[in-house]
C-alpha atoms as a PDB file:
ATOM      1  CA  MET A   1       0.000   0.000   0.000  1.00  0.00           C
ATOM      2  CA  THR A   2       1.195   3.499  -0.859  1.00  0.00           C
ATOM      3  CA  SER A   3       0.666   5.999   1.953  1.00  0.00           C
ATOM      4  CA  ARG A   4      -0.012   9.702   1.650  1.00  0.00           C
ATOM      5  CA  SER A   5       3.303  10.481   3.320  1.00  0.00           C
ATOM      6  CA  GLN A   6       5.120   8.433   0.653  1.00  0.00           C
ATOM      7  CA  ILE A   7       3.266  10.333  -2.064  1.00  0.00           C
ATOM      8  CA  LEU A   8       4.110  13.729  -0.585  1.00  0.00           C
ATOM      9  CA  HIS A   9       7.745  12.770  -0.074  1.00  0.00           C
ATOM     10  CA  ALA A  10       8.075  11.631  -3.696  1.00  0.00           C
ATOM     11  CA  ALA A  11       6.302  14.781  -4.922  1.00  0.00           C
ATOM     12  CA  ARG A  12       8.711  17.000  -2.974  1.00  0.00           C
ATOM     13  CA  ARG A  13      11.645  15.105  -4.461  1.00  0.00           C
ATOM     14  CA  LEU A  14      10.371  15.623  -8.029  1.00  0.00           C
ATOM     15  CA  ILE A  15       9.674  19.305  -7.393  1.00  0.00           C
ATOM     16  CA  ASP A  16      13.174  19.804  -6.010  1.00  0.00           C
ATOM     17  CA  GLN A  17      14.597  18.129  -9.111  1.00  0.00           C
ATOM     18  CA  ASP A  18      12.566  19.710 -11.903  1.00  0.00           C
ATOM     19  CA  GLY A  19      10.197  22.346 -10.495  1.00  0.00           C
ATOM     20  CA  TRP A  20       6.532  22.201  -9.609  1.00  0.00           C
ATOM     21  CA  GLU A  21       5.404  23.064 -13.162  1.00  0.00           C
ATOM     22  CA  ARG A  22       6.687  19.731 -14.517  1.00  0.00           C
ATOM     23  CA  LEU A  23       5.088  17.635 -11.790  1.00  0.00           C
ATOM     24  CA  THR A  24       2.208  15.516 -13.061  1.00  0.00           C
ATOM     25  CA  ILE A  25       0.083  12.837 -11.437  1.00  0.00           C
ATOM     26  CA  ARG A  26       1.202  10.331 -14.079  1.00  0.00           C
ATOM     27  CA  ARG A  27       4.885  11.096 -13.516  1.00  0.00           C
ATOM     28  CA  LEU A  28       4.483  10.898  -9.743  1.00  0.00           C
ATOM     29  CA  ALA A  29       2.723   7.548 -10.067  1.00  0.00           C
ATOM     30  CA  ALA A  30       5.579   6.221 -12.196  1.00  0.00           C
ATOM     31  CA  GLU A  31       8.077   7.454  -9.593  1.00  0.00           C
ATOM     32  CA  LEU A  32       6.223   5.424  -6.954  1.00  0.00           C
ATOM     33  CA  GLY A  33       5.758   2.381  -9.198  1.00  0.00           C
ATOM     34  CA  ILE A  34       1.949   2.504  -9.101  1.00  0.00           C
ATOM     35  CA  GLY A  35      -0.768   3.232 -11.615  1.00  0.00           C
ATOM     36  CA  ALA A  36      -2.163   6.726 -12.114  1.00  0.00           C
ATOM     37  CA  THR A  37      -5.626   5.405 -11.192  1.00  0.00           C
ATOM     38  CA  THR A  38      -4.289   4.388  -7.783  1.00  0.00           C
ATOM     39  CA  MET A  39      -2.922   7.898  -7.284  1.00  0.00           C
ATOM     40  CA  TYR A  40      -6.394   9.363  -7.691  1.00  0.00           C
ATOM     41  CA  HIS A  41      -7.524   7.426  -4.623  1.00  0.00           C
ATOM     42  CA  HIS A  42      -5.212   9.711  -2.627  1.00  0.00           C
ATOM     43  CA  VAL A  43      -5.381  13.071  -4.447  1.00  0.00           C
ATOM     44  CA  ARG A  44      -8.023  14.600  -6.711  1.00  0.00           C
ATOM     45  CA  ASP A  45      -5.643  16.340  -9.096  1.00  0.00           C
ATOM     46  CA  LYS A  46      -2.331  18.165  -9.282  1.00  0.00           C
ATOM     47  CA  GLU A  47      -3.687  21.272  -7.546  1.00  0.00           C
ATOM     48  CA  ASP A  48      -4.963  19.175  -4.662  1.00  0.00           C
ATOM     49  CA  LEU A  49      -1.540  17.520  -4.385  1.00  0.00           C
ATOM     50  CA  LEU A  50       0.270  20.862  -4.311  1.00  0.00           C
ATOM     51  CA  PHE A  51      -1.990  22.223  -1.588  1.00  0.00           C
ATOM     52  CA  LEU A  52      -1.492  19.068   0.467  1.00  0.00           C
ATOM     53  CA  LEU A  53       2.249  19.631   0.214  1.00  0.00           C
ATOM     54  CA  ILE A  54       1.974  23.278   1.195  1.00  0.00           C
ATOM     55  CA  ARG A  55      -0.427  22.543   4.041  1.00  0.00           C
ATOM     56  CA  GLU A  56       1.970  19.961   5.459  1.00  0.00           C
ATOM     57  CA  TYR A  57       4.786  22.493   5.191  1.00  0.00           C
ATOM     58  CA  ALA A  58       2.699  25.287   6.727  1.00  0.00           C
ATOM     59  CA  ASP A  59       1.840  23.077   9.698  1.00  0.00           C
ATOM     60  CA  GLN A  60       5.547  22.973  10.549  1.00  0.00           C
ATOM     61  CA  ILE A  61       5.916  26.769  10.810  1.00  0.00           C
ATOM     62  CA  PRO A  62       6.483  27.583  14.488  1.00  0.00           C
ATOM     63  CA  HIS A  63       4.344  30.206  16.179  1.00  0.00           C
ATOM     64  CA  PRO A  64       6.513  33.315  16.577  1.00  0.00           C
ATOM     65  CA  ASP A  65       6.675  35.098  19.917  1.00  0.00           C
ATOM     66  CA  LEU A  66       4.276  38.008  19.540  1.00  0.00           C
ATOM     67  CA  PRO A  67       5.065  41.449  20.967  1.00  0.00           C
ATOM     68  CA  ASP A  68       2.489  43.476  22.875  1.00  0.00           C
ATOM     69  CA  VAL A  69       2.264  46.358  20.375  1.00  0.00           C
ATOM     70  CA  PRO A  70      -0.378  45.557  17.701  1.00  0.00           C
ATOM     71  CA  ARG A  71       1.650  47.100  14.881  1.00  0.00           C
ATOM     72  CA  ASP A  72       4.658  44.970  15.843  1.00  0.00           C
ATOM     73  CA  ARG A  73       2.506  41.823  15.914  1.00  0.00           C
ATOM     74  CA  ILE A  74       1.566  42.453  12.291  1.00  0.00           C
ATOM     75  CA  VAL A  75       5.226  42.794  11.305  1.00  0.00           C
ATOM     76  CA  VAL A  76       6.370  39.704  13.243  1.00  0.00           C
ATOM     77  CA  ALA A  77       3.567  37.470  11.916  1.00  0.00           C
ATOM     78  CA  MET A  78       4.037  38.591   8.313  1.00  0.00           C
ATOM     79  CA  THR A  79       7.796  38.125   8.586  1.00  0.00           C
ATOM     80  CA  ALA A  80       7.180  34.531   9.722  1.00  0.00           C
ATOM     81  CA  VAL A  81       5.060  33.987   6.613  1.00  0.00           C
ATOM     82  CA  HIS A  82       7.734  35.553   4.420  1.00  0.00           C
ATOM     83  CA  ASP A  83      10.590  33.527   5.873  1.00  0.00           C
ATOM     84  CA  ALA A  84       8.682  30.248   5.470  1.00  0.00           C
ATOM     85  CA  LEU A  85       7.749  30.930   1.848  1.00  0.00           C
ATOM     86  CA  ALA A  86      11.171  32.322   0.939  1.00  0.00           C
ATOM     87  CA  ALA A  87      12.620  28.944   1.917  1.00  0.00           C
ATOM     88  CA  TRP A  88      10.145  27.248  -0.446  1.00  0.00           C
ATOM     89  CA  PRO A  89       9.545  29.864  -3.177  1.00  0.00           C
ATOM     90  CA  TRP A  90       7.658  27.565  -5.557  1.00  0.00           C
ATOM     91  CA  ALA A  91       4.854  27.395  -2.999  1.00  0.00           C
ATOM     92  CA  THR A  92       4.408  31.163  -3.294  1.00  0.00           C
ATOM     93  CA  GLU A  93       3.429  30.786  -6.937  1.00  0.00           C
ATOM     94  CA  VAL A  94       0.823  28.174  -6.069  1.00  0.00           C
ATOM     95  CA  VAL A  95      -0.805  30.271  -3.321  1.00  0.00           C
ATOM     96  CA  SER A  96      -0.541  33.621  -5.114  1.00  0.00           C
ATOM     97  CA  ALA A  97      -4.238  33.643  -6.094  1.00  0.00           C
ATOM     98  CA  ASP A  98      -6.910  35.031  -3.764  1.00  0.00           C
ATOM     99  CA  GLY A  99      -8.953  32.512  -1.789  1.00  0.00           C
ATOM    100  CA  PHE A 100      -6.086  30.146  -0.998  1.00  0.00           C
ATOM    101  CA  LEU A 101      -6.125  30.545   2.789  1.00  0.00           C
ATOM    102  CA  VAL A 102      -8.996  28.205   3.562  1.00  0.00           C
ATOM    103  CA  ARG A 103      -7.030  25.339   2.027  1.00  0.00           C
ATOM    104  CA  LEU A 104      -3.848  25.782   4.048  1.00  0.00           C
ATOM    105  CA  GLY A 105      -4.832  24.604   7.506  1.00  0.00           C
ATOM    106  CA  GLU A 106      -4.891  26.065  10.993  1.00  0.00           C
ATOM    107  CA  LYS A 107      -1.283  27.294  11.173  1.00  0.00           C
ATOM    108  CA  ALA A 108      -1.608  29.495   8.094  1.00  0.00           C
ATOM    109  CA  LEU A 109      -5.019  30.697   9.246  1.00  0.00           C
ATOM    110  CA  TRP A 110      -3.576  31.546  12.677  1.00  0.00           C
ATOM    111  CA  LEU A 111      -0.924  33.770  11.109  1.00  0.00           C
ATOM    112  CA  ALA A 112      -3.505  35.558   8.956  1.00  0.00           C
ATOM    113  CA  GLU A 113      -5.799  35.974  11.964  1.00  0.00           C
ATOM    114  CA  THR A 114      -2.909  37.402  13.976  1.00  0.00           C
ATOM    115  CA  ILE A 115      -2.216  40.035  11.327  1.00  0.00           C
ATOM    116  CA  ILE A 116      -5.876  41.016  11.010  1.00  0.00           C
ATOM    117  CA  ALA A 117      -6.337  41.068  14.797  1.00  0.00           C
ATOM    118  CA  GLY A 118      -3.255  43.275  15.140  1.00  0.00           C
ATOM    119  CA  ALA A 119      -4.738  45.796  12.731  1.00  0.00           C
ATOM    120  CA  VAL A 120      -8.076  45.738  14.591  1.00  0.00           C
ATOM    121  CA  ALA A 121      -6.292  46.254  17.907  1.00  0.00           C
ATOM    122  CA  HIS A 122      -4.527  49.244  16.327  1.00  0.00           C
ATOM    123  CA  GLY A 123      -7.904  50.819  15.542  1.00  0.00           C
ATOM    124  CA  CYS A 124      -8.924  49.447  12.135  1.00  0.00           C
ATOM    125  CA  SER A 125     -12.351  48.038  11.406  1.00  0.00           C
ATOM    126  CA  PRO A 126     -12.356  44.329  10.448  1.00  0.00           C
ATOM    127  CA  GLU A 127     -12.782  45.326   6.802  1.00  0.00           C
ATOM    128  CA  GLN A 128      -9.882  47.766   7.008  1.00  0.00           C
ATOM    129  CA  ALA A 129      -7.797  45.152   8.802  1.00  0.00           C
ATOM    130  CA  PHE A 130      -8.380  42.710   5.961  1.00  0.00           C
ATOM    131  CA  TYR A 131      -7.212  45.409   3.544  1.00  0.00           C
ATOM    132  CA  VAL A 132      -4.021  45.713   5.606  1.00  0.00           C
ATOM    133  CA  PHE A 133      -3.503  41.941   5.516  1.00  0.00           C
ATOM    134  CA  ARG A 134      -4.146  41.687   1.788  1.00  0.00           C
ATOM    135  CA  SER A 135      -1.808  44.594   1.061  1.00  0.00           C
ATOM    136  CA  VAL A 136       1.129  43.213   3.052  1.00  0.00           C
ATOM    137  CA  TRP A 137       0.459  39.780   1.568  1.00  0.00           C
ATOM    138  CA  TYR A 138       0.726  41.179  -1.969  1.00  0.00           C
ATOM    139  CA  TYR A 139       3.937  42.995  -1.024  1.00  0.00           C
ATOM    140  CA  THR A 140       5.377  39.791   0.433  1.00  0.00           C
ATOM    141  CA  VAL A 141       4.410  37.583  -2.510  1.00  0.00           C
ATOM    142  CA  GLY A 142       5.858  40.081  -4.959  1.00  0.00           C
ATOM    143  CA  GLU A 143       9.152  40.307  -3.073  1.00  0.00           C
ATOM    144  CA  ILE A 144       9.567  36.536  -2.935  1.00  0.00           C
ATOM    145  CA  LEU A 145       8.628  35.936  -6.575  1.00  0.00           C
ATOM    146  CA  VAL A 146      10.910  38.657  -7.926  1.00  0.00           C
ATOM    147  CA  ARG A 147      13.869  37.309  -5.953  1.00  0.00           C
ATOM    148  CA  SER A 148      13.100  33.710  -6.902  1.00  0.00           C
ATOM    149  CA  HIS A 149      12.677  34.453 -10.605  1.00  0.00           C
ATOM    150  CA  SER A 150      15.774  36.641 -10.655  1.00  0.00           C
ATOM    151  CA  ALA A 151      17.878  33.937  -9.018  1.00  0.00           C
ATOM    152  CA  ARG A 152      16.566  31.301 -11.418  1.00  0.00           C
ATOM    153  CA  ARG A 153      17.209  33.475 -14.443  1.00  0.00           C
ATOM    154  CA  SER A 154      20.730  34.403 -13.367  1.00  0.00           C
ATOM    155  CA  THR A 155      21.703  30.733 -13.132  1.00  0.00           C
ATOM    156  CA  LYS A 156      20.195  29.853 -16.519  1.00  0.00           C
ATOM    157  CA  GLU A 157      21.045  32.992 -18.477  1.00  0.00           C
ATOM    158  CA  PRO A 158      24.295  34.547 -17.242  1.00  0.00           C
ATOM    159  CA  SER A 159      24.459  38.114 -18.490  1.00  0.00           C
ATOM    160  CA  ALA A 160      27.257  39.054 -20.863  1.00  0.00           C
ATOM    161  CA  GLY A 161      27.268  42.599 -19.512  1.00  0.00           C
ATOM    162  CA  GLY A 162      25.641  44.733 -16.859  1.00  0.00           C
ATOM    163  CA  LEU A 163      23.151  47.569 -17.050  1.00  0.00           C
ATOM    164  CA  ALA A 164      26.032  50.014 -17.082  1.00  0.00           C
ATOM    165  CA  ASP A 165      26.820  48.820 -20.618  1.00  0.00           C
ATOM    166  CA  ILE A 166      23.269  49.514 -21.794  1.00  0.00           C
ATOM    167  CA  LEU A 167      22.069  52.679 -20.077  1.00  0.00           C
ATOM    168  CA  ASP A 168      22.739  56.098 -21.562  1.00  0.00           C
ATOM    169  CA  ALA A 169      23.989  58.304 -18.727  1.00  0.00           C
ATOM    170  CA  SER A 170      22.997  61.436 -20.630  1.00  0.00           C
ATOM    171  CA  LYS A 171      19.334  60.375 -20.537  1.00  0.00           C
ATOM    172  CA  VAL A 172      19.055  58.455 -17.263  1.00  0.00           C
ATOM    173  CA  PRO A 173      21.988  59.638 -15.141  1.00  0.00           C
ATOM    174  CA  LEU A 174      20.704  58.320 -11.809  1.00  0.00           C
ATOM    175  CA  LEU A 175      19.943  54.852 -13.143  1.00  0.00           C
ATOM    176  CA  ALA A 176      23.264  54.733 -14.946  1.00  0.00           C
ATOM    177  CA  ALA A 177      25.151  55.643 -11.769  1.00  0.00           C
ATOM    178  CA  LEU A 178      23.198  53.131  -9.676  1.00  0.00           C
ATOM    179  CA  SER A 179      23.768  50.384 -12.261  1.00  0.00           C
ATOM    180  CA  GLU A 180      27.425  50.438 -11.303  1.00  0.00           C
ATOM    181  CA  GLN A 181      26.389  49.041  -7.902  1.00  0.00           C
ATOM    182  CA  PRO A 182      24.835  45.659  -8.828  1.00  0.00           C
ATOM    183  CA  GLU A 183      24.904  44.598  -5.197  1.00  0.00           C
ATOM    184  CA  LEU A 184      21.939  46.931  -4.589  1.00  0.00           C
ATOM    185  CA  THR A 185      19.594  44.435  -6.250  1.00  0.00           C
ATOM    186  CA  THR A 186      20.675  41.579  -3.995  1.00  0.00           C
ATOM    187  CA  GLN A 187      20.380  43.346  -0.653  1.00  0.00           C
ATOM    188  CA  ASP A 188      17.559  42.081   1.544  1.00  0.00           C
ATOM    189  CA  HIS A 189      15.480  44.955   2.895  1.00  0.00           C
ATOM    190  CA  TYR A 190      12.212  43.046   3.251  1.00  0.00           C
ATOM    191  CA  ARG A 191      11.784  43.697   6.979  1.00  0.00           C
ATOM    192  CA  GLU A 192      12.492  47.428   6.656  1.00  0.00           C
ATOM    193  CA  GLY A 193      10.142  47.704   3.697  1.00  0.00           C
ATOM    194  CA  LEU A 194       7.418  45.778   5.522  1.00  0.00           C
ATOM    195  CA  GLU A 195       7.655  48.025   8.575  1.00  0.00           C
ATOM    196  CA  ALA A 196       7.435  51.161   6.437  1.00  0.00           C
ATOM    197  CA  PHE A 197       4.509  49.693   4.483  1.00  0.00           C
ATOM    198  CA  VAL A 198       2.603  48.716   7.635  1.00  0.00           C
ATOM    199  CA  ASP A 199       3.217  52.134   9.186  1.00  0.00           C
ATOM    200  CA  GLY A 200       1.951  53.824   6.039  1.00  0.00           C
ATOM    201  CA  LEU A 201      -1.175  51.684   5.832  1.00  0.00           C
ATOM    202  CA  LEU A 202      -2.073  52.163   9.481  1.00  0.00           C
ATOM    203  CA  ALA A 203      -1.431  55.902   9.339  1.00  0.00           C
ATOM    204  CA  GLN A 204      -3.588  56.181   6.239  1.00  0.00           C
ATOM    205  CA  ILE A 205      -6.482  54.324   7.874  1.00  0.00           C
ATOM    206  CA  VAL A 206      -6.286  55.329  11.545  1.00  0.00           C
ATOM    207  CA  GLY A 207      -4.038  58.376  11.504  1.00  0.00           C
ATOM    208  CA  PRO A 208      -0.478  59.000  12.752  1.00  0.00           C
ATOM    209  CA  GLY A 209       0.494  58.669  16.374  1.00  0.00           C
ATOM    210  CA  ARG A 210      -2.109  56.010  17.236  1.00  0.00           C
END
């Protein structure tokens, strides 16, 4: 008998090898030495399989220690989400569509609830708090996907020259000067950006100095 844990372990191995886009139920079944029909007794389709993988992974995310200040709770909880997904960037692509939360289990729901509750405690209405959560979620997903795609592209398509060889300093002097510092694109300022974003959202909704 093939267990669900065996299926998920084999699926993770194939994803690590070739990416989640190339994973198919038929290929996974062949990897396990069973028929595709048998696989469908365990998972409905590829999307169901991917969410099972992500839910299992999300269940392993530890609860962060939450500070007393509501604004800080938002930042800490969202950073925990970011750090978990950054370690498994393919999962970010799968969950990038709205409506994914209900399929990810209690741990992911707890983190989302913590962020929304932090915004409510700061003075937002529940609807405004959801806007805060959705906004920081979009920021986080975008940051992870850009870094992941950039890293993947740089390994597959090494550039023959940098931006400094392309930009015309007479037309875009600031960009041309900055292009001579390629390390700027690799610096990780997620936490600082998140804090500034959260502060801006809360100030816009509730007002400064709350």
